[in-house]
């Protein structure tokens, strides 16, 4: 399972889900410049991304197409 982050640094999973349900286009990027990812398929999203924060506060599994979230669980 590949890991990814959203372009918007959501503080909570609820904020991510609210934007997704509102129809916003949410882009995902792979960490550490993993350009070999096709941008399609499953990805484990985590957040928020903060310097000095060792562990993410939330996780979500998403299906993406062209690095845009199409479904979240």
C-alpha atoms as a PDB file:
ATOM      1  CA  UNK A   1       0.000   0.000   0.000  1.00  0.00           C
ATOM      2  CA  UNK A   2       1.406   3.348  -1.004  1.00  0.00           C
ATOM      3  CA  UNK A   3       1.262   6.306   1.333  1.00  0.00           C
ATOM      4  CA  UNK A   4       0.094   9.750   0.252  1.00  0.00           C
ATOM      5  CA  UNK A   5      -0.765  13.207   1.478  1.00  0.00           C
ATOM      6  CA  UNK A   6      -3.408  15.681   0.383  1.00  0.00           C
ATOM      7  CA  UNK A   7      -2.333  19.006  -1.118  1.00  0.00           C
ATOM      8  CA  UNK A   8      -4.508  20.710   1.520  1.00  0.00           C
ATOM      9  CA  UNK A   9      -3.102  19.841   4.941  1.00  0.00           C
ATOM     10  CA  UNK A  10      -6.327  18.782   6.700  1.00  0.00           C
ATOM     11  CA  UNK A  11      -6.160  18.902  10.496  1.00  0.00           C
ATOM     12  CA  UNK A  12      -8.820  16.182  10.818  1.00  0.00           C
ATOM     13  CA  UNK A  13     -10.221  13.353   8.755  1.00  0.00           C
ATOM     14  CA  UNK A  14     -13.665  14.936   9.206  1.00  0.00           C
ATOM     15  CA  UNK A  15     -12.494  18.054   7.332  1.00  0.00           C
ATOM     16  CA  UNK A  16     -11.227  15.858   4.484  1.00  0.00           C
ATOM     17  CA  UNK A  17     -14.506  13.924   4.339  1.00  0.00           C
ATOM     18  CA  UNK A  18     -16.597  17.122   4.463  1.00  0.00           C
ATOM     19  CA  UNK A  19     -14.722  18.627   1.501  1.00  0.00           C
ATOM     20  CA  UNK A  20     -14.976  15.359  -0.433  1.00  0.00           C
ATOM     21  CA  UNK A  21     -18.717  15.074   0.220  1.00  0.00           C
ATOM     22  CA  UNK A  22     -19.139  18.716  -0.843  1.00  0.00           C
ATOM     23  CA  UNK A  23     -17.705  17.759  -4.232  1.00  0.00           C
ATOM     24  CA  UNK A  24     -14.338  19.456  -3.900  1.00  0.00           C
ATOM     25  CA  UNK A  25     -11.516  18.128  -6.086  1.00  0.00           C
ATOM     26  CA  UNK A  26      -8.877  16.882  -3.632  1.00  0.00           C
ATOM     27  CA  UNK A  27      -5.436  16.128  -5.027  1.00  0.00           C
ATOM     28  CA  UNK A  28      -3.010  13.665  -3.463  1.00  0.00           C
ATOM     29  CA  UNK A  29       0.767  13.566  -3.770  1.00  0.00           C
ATOM     30  CA  UNK A  30       3.203  10.787  -2.891  1.00  0.00           C
ATOM     31  CA  UNK A  31       5.820  11.433  -0.187  1.00  0.00           C
ATOM     32  CA  UNK A  32       9.525  11.862  -0.860  1.00  0.00           C
ATOM     33  CA  UNK A  33       9.142  12.453  -4.579  1.00  0.00           C
ATOM     34  CA  UNK A  34       7.938   8.951  -5.482  1.00  0.00           C
ATOM     35  CA  UNK A  35       7.295   9.891  -9.121  1.00  0.00           C
ATOM     36  CA  UNK A  36       6.994   6.236 -10.155  1.00  0.00           C
ATOM     37  CA  UNK A  37       3.442   6.101  -8.761  1.00  0.00           C
ATOM     38  CA  UNK A  38       0.920   6.009 -11.613  1.00  0.00           C
ATOM     39  CA  UNK A  39      -1.522   8.270  -9.771  1.00  0.00           C
ATOM     40  CA  UNK A  40      -4.213   5.598 -10.032  1.00  0.00           C
ATOM     41  CA  UNK A  41      -5.339   2.956  -7.539  1.00  0.00           C
ATOM     42  CA  UNK A  42      -5.358   2.734  -3.770  1.00  0.00           C
ATOM     43  CA  UNK A  43      -3.422   4.938  -1.400  1.00  0.00           C
ATOM     44  CA  UNK A  44      -3.281   5.357   2.386  1.00  0.00           C
ATOM     45  CA  UNK A  45      -3.607   9.037   3.222  1.00  0.00           C
ATOM     46  CA  UNK A  46      -2.396  10.376   6.541  1.00  0.00           C
ATOM     47  CA  UNK A  47      -2.369  13.750   8.188  1.00  0.00           C
ATOM     48  CA  UNK A  48      -1.817  16.317   9.280  1.00  0.00           C
ATOM     49  CA  UNK A  49       1.730  16.879   8.124  1.00  0.00           C
ATOM     50  CA  UNK A  50       3.524  19.061  10.651  1.00  0.00           C
ATOM     51  CA  UNK A  51       7.248  19.501  11.280  1.00  0.00           C
ATOM     52  CA  UNK A  52       8.192  17.807  14.529  1.00  0.00           C
ATOM     53  CA  UNK A  53       5.002  15.722  14.661  1.00  0.00           C
ATOM     54  CA  UNK A  54       6.176  12.124  14.616  1.00  0.00           C
ATOM     55  CA  UNK A  55       2.885  10.321  14.093  1.00  0.00           C
ATOM     56  CA  UNK A  56      -0.116  11.351  12.006  1.00  0.00           C
ATOM     57  CA  UNK A  57      -3.385  11.956  13.863  1.00  0.00           C
ATOM     58  CA  UNK A  58      -5.624  10.372  11.221  1.00  0.00           C
ATOM     59  CA  UNK A  59      -5.566   7.891   8.332  1.00  0.00           C
ATOM     60  CA  UNK A  60      -7.887   7.242   5.407  1.00  0.00           C
ATOM     61  CA  UNK A  61      -7.856   4.801   2.505  1.00  0.00           C
ATOM     62  CA  UNK A  62      -8.662   6.396  -0.843  1.00  0.00           C
ATOM     63  CA  UNK A  63      -8.990   5.339  -4.464  1.00  0.00           C
ATOM     64  CA  UNK A  64      -7.420   7.883  -6.781  1.00  0.00           C
ATOM     65  CA  UNK A  65      -7.428   8.607 -10.504  1.00  0.00           C
ATOM     66  CA  UNK A  66      -4.760  10.956 -11.865  1.00  0.00           C
ATOM     67  CA  UNK A  67      -3.862  11.835  -8.253  1.00  0.00           C
ATOM     68  CA  UNK A  68      -7.432  13.032  -7.498  1.00  0.00           C
ATOM     69  CA  UNK A  69      -9.517  11.282  -4.821  1.00  0.00           C
ATOM     70  CA  UNK A  70     -12.497   9.371  -6.239  1.00  0.00           C
ATOM     71  CA  UNK A  71     -13.570   7.524  -3.055  1.00  0.00           C
ATOM     72  CA  UNK A  72     -12.613   7.457   0.613  1.00  0.00           C
ATOM     73  CA  UNK A  73     -13.140   4.849   3.322  1.00  0.00           C
END
